[in-house]
N, C-alpha and C. Protein backbone atom coordinates (compact mmCIF):
# COMPACT_ATOMS: atom_id res chain seq x y z
N MET A 1 0.84 -1.18 0.00
CA MET A 1 0.00 0.00 0.00
C MET A 1 0.89 1.24 0.00
N LEU A 2 0.54 2.19 -0.88
CA LEU A 2 1.25 3.45 -0.94
C LEU A 2 0.42 4.49 -0.22
N SER A 3 1.02 5.59 0.18
CA SER A 3 0.23 6.69 0.72
C SER A 3 0.84 8.00 0.30
N LEU A 4 -0.01 9.01 0.22
CA LEU A 4 0.44 10.33 -0.18
C LEU A 4 1.03 11.07 1.01
N LEU A 5 1.75 12.15 0.72
CA LEU A 5 2.30 12.98 1.77
C LEU A 5 1.17 13.69 2.51
N PRO A 6 1.41 14.17 3.71
CA PRO A 6 0.35 14.89 4.42
C PRO A 6 -0.17 16.05 3.59
N SER A 7 -1.45 16.31 3.72
CA SER A 7 -2.11 17.36 2.98
C SER A 7 -1.57 18.73 3.36
N PRO A 8 -1.33 19.63 2.36
CA PRO A 8 -0.89 20.98 2.69
C PRO A 8 -1.95 21.74 3.47
N VAL A 9 -3.21 21.37 3.29
CA VAL A 9 -4.29 22.02 4.04
C VAL A 9 -4.11 21.77 5.53
N ALA A 10 -3.77 20.54 5.88
CA ALA A 10 -3.62 20.19 7.29
C ALA A 10 -2.47 20.94 7.94
N SER A 11 -1.43 21.27 7.17
CA SER A 11 -0.27 21.94 7.76
C SER A 11 -0.42 23.45 7.81
N THR A 12 -1.35 24.03 7.03
CA THR A 12 -1.46 25.49 7.00
C THR A 12 -2.65 26.03 7.80
N LEU A 13 -3.67 25.21 8.03
CA LEU A 13 -4.83 25.68 8.76
C LEU A 13 -4.86 25.06 10.15
N PRO A 14 -4.94 25.88 11.19
CA PRO A 14 -5.02 25.30 12.53
C PRO A 14 -6.32 24.52 12.68
N GLY A 15 -6.22 23.35 13.23
CA GLY A 15 -7.40 22.52 13.45
C GLY A 15 -7.87 21.76 12.22
N ALA A 16 -7.16 21.89 11.08
CA ALA A 16 -7.58 21.20 9.86
C ALA A 16 -7.48 19.69 10.04
N ALA A 17 -6.48 19.23 10.75
CA ALA A 17 -6.35 17.79 10.98
C ALA A 17 -7.54 17.27 11.77
N TYR A 18 -8.08 18.10 12.65
CA TYR A 18 -9.27 17.70 13.40
C TYR A 18 -10.49 17.69 12.49
N LEU A 19 -10.60 18.71 11.62
CA LEU A 19 -11.75 18.80 10.73
C LEU A 19 -11.70 17.78 9.61
N LEU A 20 -10.51 17.47 9.10
CA LEU A 20 -10.36 16.58 7.97
C LEU A 20 -9.37 15.46 8.28
N PRO A 21 -9.59 14.70 9.33
CA PRO A 21 -8.58 13.71 9.68
C PRO A 21 -8.34 12.67 8.61
N SER A 22 -9.37 12.28 7.86
CA SER A 22 -9.18 11.23 6.86
C SER A 22 -8.53 11.77 5.60
N LEU A 23 -8.42 13.09 5.44
CA LEU A 23 -7.83 13.64 4.24
C LEU A 23 -6.34 13.93 4.39
N THR A 24 -5.80 13.80 5.57
CA THR A 24 -4.39 14.11 5.75
C THR A 24 -3.49 13.04 5.15
N ARG A 25 -3.93 11.80 5.12
CA ARG A 25 -3.20 10.73 4.46
C ARG A 25 -4.23 9.87 3.73
N ILE A 26 -3.96 9.62 2.46
CA ILE A 26 -4.91 8.87 1.65
C ILE A 26 -4.24 7.58 1.20
N PRO A 27 -4.76 6.42 1.57
CA PRO A 27 -4.16 5.17 1.10
C PRO A 27 -4.50 4.93 -0.37
N ILE A 28 -3.53 4.40 -1.11
CA ILE A 28 -3.72 4.08 -2.51
C ILE A 28 -3.36 2.62 -2.70
N LEU A 29 -4.28 1.84 -3.22
CA LEU A 29 -4.03 0.44 -3.50
C LEU A 29 -3.87 0.28 -5.00
N ARG A 30 -2.83 -0.39 -5.43
CA ARG A 30 -2.68 -0.71 -6.84
C ARG A 30 -3.54 -1.91 -7.15
N THR A 31 -4.29 -1.83 -8.23
CA THR A 31 -5.20 -2.90 -8.57
C THR A 31 -4.83 -3.51 -9.91
N PRO A 32 -4.48 -4.81 -9.93
CA PRO A 32 -4.17 -5.45 -11.20
C PRO A 32 -5.46 -5.69 -11.97
N PRO A 33 -5.41 -5.73 -13.32
CA PRO A 33 -6.61 -5.98 -14.10
C PRO A 33 -7.10 -7.40 -13.91
N ARG A 34 -8.41 -7.58 -14.01
CA ARG A 34 -8.98 -8.91 -13.90
C ARG A 34 -8.76 -9.68 -15.18
N ALA A 35 -8.38 -10.91 -15.05
CA ALA A 35 -8.16 -11.73 -16.23
C ALA A 35 -9.46 -12.34 -16.72
N SER A 36 -10.40 -12.59 -15.83
CA SER A 36 -11.62 -13.29 -16.21
C SER A 36 -12.75 -12.91 -15.28
N MET A 37 -13.96 -12.97 -15.78
CA MET A 37 -15.13 -12.69 -14.96
C MET A 37 -15.77 -14.00 -14.49
N SER A 38 -15.10 -15.13 -14.70
CA SER A 38 -15.67 -16.41 -14.33
C SER A 38 -15.77 -16.54 -12.81
N ALA A 39 -16.63 -17.44 -12.36
CA ALA A 39 -16.82 -17.65 -10.93
C ALA A 39 -15.53 -18.13 -10.27
N ALA A 40 -14.75 -18.94 -11.00
CA ALA A 40 -13.51 -19.46 -10.43
C ALA A 40 -12.51 -18.35 -10.16
N ALA A 41 -12.48 -17.35 -11.05
CA ALA A 41 -11.51 -16.27 -10.88
C ALA A 41 -11.91 -15.31 -9.77
N SER A 42 -13.19 -15.27 -9.42
CA SER A 42 -13.64 -14.29 -8.43
C SER A 42 -13.80 -14.88 -7.03
N THR A 43 -13.48 -16.15 -6.85
CA THR A 43 -13.62 -16.75 -5.53
C THR A 43 -12.44 -16.34 -4.65
N PRO A 44 -12.66 -16.25 -3.34
CA PRO A 44 -11.57 -15.86 -2.44
C PRO A 44 -10.41 -16.83 -2.45
N ASP A 45 -10.65 -18.10 -2.82
CA ASP A 45 -9.59 -19.10 -2.81
C ASP A 45 -8.76 -19.08 -4.08
N ALA A 46 -9.13 -18.23 -5.03
CA ALA A 46 -8.43 -18.21 -6.31
C ALA A 46 -6.97 -17.80 -6.11
N VAL A 47 -6.13 -18.33 -6.97
CA VAL A 47 -4.71 -18.00 -6.92
C VAL A 47 -4.54 -16.59 -7.44
N PRO A 48 -3.80 -15.75 -6.76
CA PRO A 48 -3.64 -14.37 -7.22
C PRO A 48 -2.86 -14.31 -8.52
N SER A 49 -3.12 -13.28 -9.29
CA SER A 49 -2.42 -13.11 -10.56
C SER A 49 -0.98 -12.69 -10.28
N PRO A 50 -0.09 -12.88 -11.27
CA PRO A 50 1.29 -12.43 -11.10
C PRO A 50 1.36 -10.91 -10.85
N ALA A 51 0.43 -10.15 -11.43
CA ALA A 51 0.43 -8.70 -11.21
C ALA A 51 0.20 -8.37 -9.74
N ALA A 52 -0.66 -9.13 -9.08
CA ALA A 52 -0.93 -8.89 -7.67
C ALA A 52 0.31 -9.20 -6.84
N ALA A 53 1.01 -10.27 -7.20
CA ALA A 53 2.22 -10.62 -6.46
C ALA A 53 3.31 -9.57 -6.70
N ALA A 54 3.32 -8.99 -7.90
CA ALA A 54 4.36 -8.02 -8.24
C ALA A 54 4.26 -6.75 -7.40
N VAL A 55 3.05 -6.36 -7.01
CA VAL A 55 2.91 -5.14 -6.24
C VAL A 55 2.82 -5.43 -4.74
N GLY A 56 3.06 -6.67 -4.35
CA GLY A 56 3.12 -6.99 -2.93
C GLY A 56 1.77 -7.22 -2.28
N GLU A 57 0.74 -7.47 -3.05
CA GLU A 57 -0.58 -7.71 -2.48
C GLU A 57 -0.63 -9.11 -1.85
N GLU A 58 -1.35 -9.23 -0.78
CA GLU A 58 -1.56 -10.53 -0.17
C GLU A 58 -2.60 -11.28 -0.99
N PRO A 59 -2.57 -12.63 -1.02
CA PRO A 59 -3.50 -13.40 -1.83
C PRO A 59 -4.97 -13.09 -1.53
N ARG A 60 -5.33 -12.77 -0.31
CA ARG A 60 -6.74 -12.54 0.01
C ARG A 60 -7.20 -11.14 -0.38
N LYS A 61 -6.30 -10.30 -0.87
CA LYS A 61 -6.65 -8.93 -1.26
C LYS A 61 -6.61 -8.77 -2.78
N VAL A 62 -7.27 -9.67 -3.50
CA VAL A 62 -7.32 -9.58 -4.94
C VAL A 62 -8.13 -8.34 -5.31
N ALA A 63 -7.64 -7.58 -6.25
CA ALA A 63 -8.25 -6.29 -6.61
C ALA A 63 -9.61 -6.48 -7.27
N GLU A 64 -10.47 -5.50 -7.05
CA GLU A 64 -11.76 -5.48 -7.70
C GLU A 64 -11.62 -4.82 -9.06
N ASP A 65 -12.60 -5.06 -9.92
CA ASP A 65 -12.65 -4.46 -11.24
C ASP A 65 -12.81 -2.95 -11.11
N VAL A 66 -12.04 -2.18 -11.89
CA VAL A 66 -12.10 -0.73 -11.81
C VAL A 66 -13.43 -0.24 -12.41
N VAL A 67 -14.03 0.73 -11.75
CA VAL A 67 -15.26 1.35 -12.25
C VAL A 67 -14.85 2.51 -13.14
N VAL A 68 -15.38 2.54 -14.36
CA VAL A 68 -14.96 3.52 -15.35
C VAL A 68 -16.18 4.12 -16.04
N GLN A 69 -15.99 5.34 -16.56
CA GLN A 69 -17.02 5.97 -17.38
C GLN A 69 -16.40 6.24 -18.74
N TYR A 70 -17.06 5.78 -19.80
CA TYR A 70 -16.61 6.03 -21.16
C TYR A 70 -17.36 7.22 -21.72
N VAL A 71 -16.63 8.10 -22.41
CA VAL A 71 -17.22 9.24 -23.11
C VAL A 71 -16.77 9.13 -24.57
N VAL A 72 -17.74 9.14 -25.48
CA VAL A 72 -17.43 8.99 -26.90
C VAL A 72 -17.92 10.23 -27.64
N LEU A 73 -16.98 10.92 -28.27
CA LEU A 73 -17.27 12.15 -29.02
C LEU A 73 -17.22 11.89 -30.52
N ARG A 74 -17.86 12.77 -31.28
CA ARG A 74 -17.83 12.69 -32.74
C ARG A 74 -16.62 13.46 -33.27
N ARG A 75 -15.79 12.77 -34.07
CA ARG A 75 -14.60 13.40 -34.65
C ARG A 75 -14.98 14.52 -35.63
N ASP A 76 -16.05 14.32 -36.41
CA ASP A 76 -16.43 15.34 -37.38
C ASP A 76 -16.80 16.66 -36.69
N LEU A 77 -17.41 16.58 -35.51
CA LEU A 77 -17.73 17.80 -34.77
C LEU A 77 -16.47 18.42 -34.18
N ALA A 78 -15.54 17.58 -33.73
CA ALA A 78 -14.29 18.10 -33.16
C ALA A 78 -13.49 18.85 -34.22
N ASP A 79 -13.65 18.47 -35.49
CA ASP A 79 -12.94 19.16 -36.57
C ASP A 79 -13.66 20.43 -37.01
N ALA A 80 -14.99 20.51 -36.76
CA ALA A 80 -15.78 21.64 -37.26
C ALA A 80 -16.17 22.65 -36.18
N TRP A 81 -16.29 22.22 -34.94
CA TRP A 81 -16.73 23.10 -33.85
C TRP A 81 -15.54 23.57 -33.04
N PRO A 82 -15.71 24.65 -32.29
CA PRO A 82 -14.65 25.05 -31.35
C PRO A 82 -14.43 23.95 -30.30
N LEU A 83 -13.19 23.79 -29.87
CA LEU A 83 -12.85 22.75 -28.90
C LEU A 83 -13.72 22.82 -27.65
N GLY A 84 -13.95 24.02 -27.13
CA GLY A 84 -14.76 24.17 -25.92
C GLY A 84 -16.17 23.65 -26.09
N SER A 85 -16.74 23.82 -27.26
CA SER A 85 -18.11 23.34 -27.53
C SER A 85 -18.16 21.81 -27.51
N VAL A 86 -17.14 21.19 -28.09
CA VAL A 86 -17.10 19.72 -28.12
C VAL A 86 -16.87 19.17 -26.71
N VAL A 87 -15.98 19.80 -25.96
CA VAL A 87 -15.74 19.38 -24.58
C VAL A 87 -17.02 19.52 -23.77
N ALA A 88 -17.75 20.60 -23.98
CA ALA A 88 -19.01 20.80 -23.26
C ALA A 88 -20.00 19.68 -23.55
N GLN A 89 -20.03 19.19 -24.79
CA GLN A 89 -20.94 18.09 -25.13
C GLN A 89 -20.60 16.84 -24.31
N GLY A 90 -19.30 16.55 -24.20
CA GLY A 90 -18.87 15.40 -23.40
C GLY A 90 -19.23 15.58 -21.93
N CYS A 91 -19.06 16.80 -21.44
CA CYS A 91 -19.41 17.10 -20.04
C CYS A 91 -20.91 16.92 -19.81
N HIS A 92 -21.72 17.44 -20.74
CA HIS A 92 -23.17 17.28 -20.62
C HIS A 92 -23.55 15.80 -20.52
N ALA A 93 -23.01 15.01 -21.44
CA ALA A 93 -23.35 13.59 -21.48
C ALA A 93 -22.88 12.86 -20.22
N ALA A 94 -21.66 13.17 -19.76
CA ALA A 94 -21.11 12.51 -18.57
C ALA A 94 -21.94 12.82 -17.34
N VAL A 95 -22.26 14.10 -17.15
CA VAL A 95 -23.06 14.49 -15.98
C VAL A 95 -24.46 13.89 -16.07
N ALA A 96 -25.05 13.92 -17.25
CA ALA A 96 -26.40 13.37 -17.42
C ALA A 96 -26.42 11.87 -17.14
N ALA A 97 -25.40 11.14 -17.58
CA ALA A 97 -25.35 9.69 -17.33
C ALA A 97 -25.20 9.41 -15.84
N VAL A 98 -24.36 10.18 -15.16
CA VAL A 98 -24.18 9.98 -13.72
C VAL A 98 -25.49 10.32 -12.99
N TRP A 99 -26.09 11.43 -13.34
CA TRP A 99 -27.32 11.85 -12.65
C TRP A 99 -28.47 10.87 -12.90
N ALA A 100 -28.62 10.42 -14.13
CA ALA A 100 -29.72 9.50 -14.46
C ALA A 100 -29.59 8.17 -13.72
N HIS A 101 -28.37 7.80 -13.36
CA HIS A 101 -28.12 6.51 -12.70
C HIS A 101 -27.52 6.71 -11.31
N ARG A 102 -27.85 7.82 -10.68
CA ARG A 102 -27.26 8.18 -9.39
C ARG A 102 -27.57 7.18 -8.28
N ASP A 103 -28.65 6.42 -8.40
CA ASP A 103 -29.02 5.47 -7.36
C ASP A 103 -28.41 4.08 -7.58
N HIS A 104 -27.71 3.89 -8.66
CA HIS A 104 -27.09 2.59 -8.94
C HIS A 104 -25.84 2.43 -8.07
N PRO A 105 -25.58 1.25 -7.54
CA PRO A 105 -24.40 1.04 -6.67
C PRO A 105 -23.06 1.39 -7.34
N ASP A 106 -22.92 1.13 -8.64
CA ASP A 106 -21.66 1.46 -9.32
C ASP A 106 -21.45 2.98 -9.36
N THR A 107 -22.53 3.72 -9.61
CA THR A 107 -22.43 5.18 -9.65
C THR A 107 -22.13 5.72 -8.26
N ALA A 108 -22.78 5.14 -7.25
CA ALA A 108 -22.52 5.57 -5.87
C ALA A 108 -21.06 5.33 -5.49
N ALA A 109 -20.51 4.20 -5.90
CA ALA A 109 -19.10 3.91 -5.60
C ALA A 109 -18.18 4.86 -6.36
N TYR A 110 -18.50 5.14 -7.60
CA TYR A 110 -17.69 6.03 -8.44
C TYR A 110 -17.65 7.45 -7.87
N CYS A 111 -18.78 7.89 -7.31
CA CYS A 111 -18.90 9.26 -6.79
C CYS A 111 -18.71 9.34 -5.28
N ALA A 112 -18.30 8.26 -4.65
CA ALA A 112 -18.08 8.27 -3.20
C ALA A 112 -16.98 9.27 -2.85
N PRO A 113 -17.09 9.93 -1.70
CA PRO A 113 -16.09 10.94 -1.32
C PRO A 113 -14.65 10.46 -1.42
N GLY A 114 -14.40 9.23 -1.08
CA GLY A 114 -13.03 8.71 -1.14
C GLY A 114 -12.53 8.44 -2.55
N ASN A 115 -13.43 8.48 -3.54
CA ASN A 115 -13.04 8.19 -4.92
C ASN A 115 -13.07 9.40 -5.85
N LEU A 116 -13.48 10.54 -5.33
CA LEU A 116 -13.62 11.72 -6.20
C LEU A 116 -12.33 12.15 -6.86
N ASP A 117 -11.22 11.92 -6.22
CA ASP A 117 -9.94 12.31 -6.81
C ASP A 117 -9.28 11.20 -7.62
N SER A 118 -9.98 10.11 -7.82
CA SER A 118 -9.39 9.00 -8.58
C SER A 118 -10.38 8.38 -9.54
N MET A 119 -11.26 9.21 -10.10
CA MET A 119 -12.24 8.71 -11.07
C MET A 119 -11.52 8.28 -12.35
N HIS A 120 -12.06 7.25 -13.00
CA HIS A 120 -11.50 6.76 -14.25
C HIS A 120 -12.47 7.08 -15.38
N LYS A 121 -12.00 7.86 -16.36
CA LYS A 121 -12.78 8.15 -17.56
C LYS A 121 -11.91 7.82 -18.76
N VAL A 122 -12.55 7.33 -19.81
CA VAL A 122 -11.86 7.08 -21.07
C VAL A 122 -12.61 7.86 -22.13
N THR A 123 -11.91 8.74 -22.84
CA THR A 123 -12.54 9.56 -23.86
C THR A 123 -12.11 9.05 -25.23
N LEU A 124 -13.10 8.63 -26.00
CA LEU A 124 -12.87 8.02 -27.30
C LEU A 124 -13.57 8.83 -28.38
N GLU A 125 -13.36 8.44 -29.65
CA GLU A 125 -14.04 9.13 -30.74
C GLU A 125 -14.57 8.15 -31.77
N VAL A 126 -15.64 8.58 -32.44
CA VAL A 126 -16.17 7.89 -33.62
C VAL A 126 -16.12 8.90 -34.77
N LYS A 127 -16.25 8.41 -36.00
CA LYS A 127 -16.12 9.30 -37.16
C LYS A 127 -17.25 10.32 -37.25
N GLY A 128 -18.48 9.88 -37.01
CA GLY A 128 -19.59 10.79 -37.22
C GLY A 128 -20.88 10.31 -36.58
N GLU A 129 -21.98 10.92 -37.00
CA GLU A 129 -23.29 10.66 -36.41
C GLU A 129 -23.73 9.21 -36.59
N THR A 130 -23.51 8.63 -37.75
CA THR A 130 -23.94 7.24 -38.01
C THR A 130 -23.27 6.27 -37.04
N GLN A 131 -21.96 6.42 -36.84
CA GLN A 131 -21.23 5.54 -35.94
C GLN A 131 -21.69 5.75 -34.49
N LEU A 132 -21.98 6.99 -34.12
CA LEU A 132 -22.45 7.28 -32.77
C LEU A 132 -23.80 6.62 -32.52
N LYS A 133 -24.71 6.73 -33.48
CA LYS A 133 -26.04 6.11 -33.34
C LYS A 133 -25.93 4.59 -33.30
N ASN A 134 -25.05 4.02 -34.12
CA ASN A 134 -24.85 2.57 -34.11
C ASN A 134 -24.35 2.10 -32.75
N LEU A 135 -23.40 2.84 -32.18
CA LEU A 135 -22.89 2.49 -30.85
C LEU A 135 -24.00 2.59 -29.81
N ALA A 136 -24.80 3.63 -29.89
CA ALA A 136 -25.92 3.79 -28.94
C ALA A 136 -26.89 2.61 -29.04
N GLU A 137 -27.16 2.15 -30.24
CA GLU A 137 -28.06 1.00 -30.43
C GLU A 137 -27.46 -0.27 -29.83
N LYS A 138 -26.17 -0.48 -30.02
CA LYS A 138 -25.50 -1.66 -29.45
C LYS A 138 -25.54 -1.63 -27.92
N LEU A 139 -25.27 -0.45 -27.35
CA LEU A 139 -25.30 -0.31 -25.89
C LEU A 139 -26.71 -0.55 -25.36
N GLU A 140 -27.69 0.00 -26.05
CA GLU A 140 -29.09 -0.18 -25.64
C GLU A 140 -29.49 -1.66 -25.69
N ALA A 141 -29.14 -2.33 -26.78
CA ALA A 141 -29.48 -3.74 -26.95
C ALA A 141 -28.84 -4.61 -25.87
N ALA A 142 -27.64 -4.23 -25.43
CA ALA A 142 -26.92 -5.00 -24.42
C ALA A 142 -27.31 -4.60 -23.00
N GLY A 143 -28.13 -3.57 -22.85
CA GLY A 143 -28.54 -3.13 -21.52
C GLY A 143 -27.48 -2.33 -20.78
N VAL A 144 -26.55 -1.73 -21.52
CA VAL A 144 -25.51 -0.91 -20.90
C VAL A 144 -26.11 0.47 -20.60
N ARG A 145 -26.00 0.88 -19.35
CA ARG A 145 -26.53 2.18 -18.92
C ARG A 145 -25.69 3.29 -19.55
N HIS A 146 -26.34 4.19 -20.28
CA HIS A 146 -25.62 5.26 -20.97
C HIS A 146 -26.57 6.42 -21.28
N LYS A 147 -25.97 7.50 -21.77
CA LYS A 147 -26.75 8.66 -22.21
C LYS A 147 -26.23 9.09 -23.58
N LEU A 148 -27.12 9.11 -24.55
CA LEU A 148 -26.82 9.69 -25.85
C LEU A 148 -27.21 11.15 -25.75
N TRP A 149 -26.22 12.05 -25.78
CA TRP A 149 -26.51 13.47 -25.65
C TRP A 149 -26.91 14.02 -27.02
N ILE A 150 -28.09 14.66 -27.05
CA ILE A 150 -28.59 15.28 -28.27
C ILE A 150 -28.69 16.77 -28.02
N GLU A 151 -27.86 17.53 -28.72
CA GLU A 151 -27.82 18.98 -28.55
C GLU A 151 -29.12 19.61 -29.06
N GLN A 152 -29.71 20.44 -28.20
CA GLN A 152 -30.96 21.12 -28.53
C GLN A 152 -30.71 22.61 -28.67
N PRO A 153 -31.42 23.32 -29.47
CA PRO A 153 -32.62 22.92 -30.23
C PRO A 153 -32.29 22.32 -31.59
N GLU A 154 -31.00 22.16 -31.91
CA GLU A 154 -30.61 21.66 -33.23
C GLU A 154 -30.93 20.19 -33.45
N ASN A 155 -31.13 19.44 -32.34
CA ASN A 155 -31.44 18.01 -32.41
C ASN A 155 -30.29 17.21 -33.03
N ILE A 156 -29.06 17.52 -32.60
CA ILE A 156 -27.86 16.87 -33.14
C ILE A 156 -27.29 15.91 -32.09
N PRO A 157 -27.23 14.59 -32.40
CA PRO A 157 -26.55 13.66 -31.49
C PRO A 157 -25.05 13.96 -31.49
N THR A 158 -24.51 14.29 -30.33
CA THR A 158 -23.12 14.75 -30.28
C THR A 158 -22.19 13.83 -29.51
N CYS A 159 -22.72 13.06 -28.57
CA CYS A 159 -21.83 12.36 -27.64
C CYS A 159 -22.59 11.25 -26.93
N ILE A 160 -21.86 10.24 -26.50
CA ILE A 160 -22.39 9.19 -25.63
C ILE A 160 -21.50 9.13 -24.39
N ALA A 161 -22.12 8.97 -23.25
CA ALA A 161 -21.37 8.69 -22.02
C ALA A 161 -22.05 7.52 -21.33
N THR A 162 -21.26 6.58 -20.89
CA THR A 162 -21.82 5.48 -20.11
C THR A 162 -21.98 5.94 -18.67
N ALA A 163 -22.87 5.29 -17.96
CA ALA A 163 -22.90 5.45 -16.51
C ALA A 163 -21.66 4.73 -15.98
N PRO A 164 -21.15 5.12 -14.84
CA PRO A 164 -19.99 4.39 -14.29
C PRO A 164 -20.33 2.90 -14.11
N CYS A 165 -19.42 2.05 -14.56
CA CYS A 165 -19.63 0.61 -14.43
C CYS A 165 -18.28 -0.10 -14.49
N PRO A 166 -18.24 -1.35 -14.03
CA PRO A 166 -16.98 -2.10 -14.09
C PRO A 166 -16.48 -2.22 -15.52
N LYS A 167 -15.22 -1.92 -15.70
CA LYS A 167 -14.62 -1.91 -17.03
C LYS A 167 -14.80 -3.23 -17.76
N SER A 168 -14.68 -4.32 -17.05
CA SER A 168 -14.77 -5.63 -17.69
C SER A 168 -16.15 -5.89 -18.30
N GLN A 169 -17.16 -5.21 -17.83
CA GLN A 169 -18.51 -5.41 -18.35
C GLN A 169 -18.78 -4.65 -19.65
N VAL A 170 -18.02 -3.58 -19.92
CA VAL A 170 -18.34 -2.75 -21.08
C VAL A 170 -17.17 -2.51 -22.04
N ALA A 171 -15.98 -2.85 -21.67
CA ALA A 171 -14.81 -2.54 -22.48
C ALA A 171 -14.91 -3.11 -23.90
N SER A 172 -15.55 -4.24 -24.06
CA SER A 172 -15.64 -4.86 -25.39
C SER A 172 -16.37 -3.98 -26.40
N PHE A 173 -17.27 -3.12 -25.96
CA PHE A 173 -18.00 -2.23 -26.86
C PHE A 173 -17.11 -1.11 -27.40
N PHE A 174 -16.01 -0.85 -26.73
CA PHE A 174 -15.18 0.32 -27.06
C PHE A 174 -13.79 -0.03 -27.57
N ARG A 175 -13.47 -1.32 -27.65
CA ARG A 175 -12.11 -1.75 -28.02
C ARG A 175 -11.66 -1.23 -29.38
N LYS A 176 -12.57 -1.14 -30.35
CA LYS A 176 -12.17 -0.76 -31.71
C LYS A 176 -12.14 0.76 -31.91
N LEU A 177 -12.54 1.51 -30.90
CA LEU A 177 -12.56 2.98 -31.04
C LEU A 177 -11.20 3.56 -30.70
N LYS A 178 -10.91 4.71 -31.31
CA LYS A 178 -9.65 5.41 -31.05
C LYS A 178 -9.80 6.35 -29.88
N LEU A 179 -8.69 6.57 -29.18
CA LEU A 179 -8.67 7.61 -28.14
C LEU A 179 -8.90 8.95 -28.82
N CYS A 180 -9.65 9.80 -28.18
CA CYS A 180 -9.91 11.13 -28.71
C CYS A 180 -8.64 11.98 -28.56
N LYS A 181 -8.21 12.58 -29.65
CA LYS A 181 -6.98 13.40 -29.62
C LYS A 181 -7.26 14.79 -30.12
């Protein structure tokens, strides 16, 4: 287990350590990726992966699947619109997906106070509107919680954001997409 240095807030404000005792030192656990979602791999008796042994984890502390939010933007809009407008579309979709699924346990874990500074987002791109709509249909058919953001009043589909969920459950939908640059 790694830990960060004491918070500068705690050293500059009198009584800050009393007000924010859990923020003065934050434990960080390195989590190896899951190799399989099978029942055998998720049992407590399972043999730890070499990655877990490499970071000094004990066998009974096998890492959980990372909760991630995917944001998919349209490349054609990124080439035609101002950068700030495209970023705003991604922000709209991400916030809407989190809010729409705020009562789901994965979203609650993603937004928990202890996780706010370590959220995982992956920002990807598709070529245009057709590819974005196709992806939305695939996610809908598979039951993946997401938000297709449609800019109003123009009625333009601009972005998709998934609700926070375990990476292993949704990564296959995004493997062929490029990172947004």
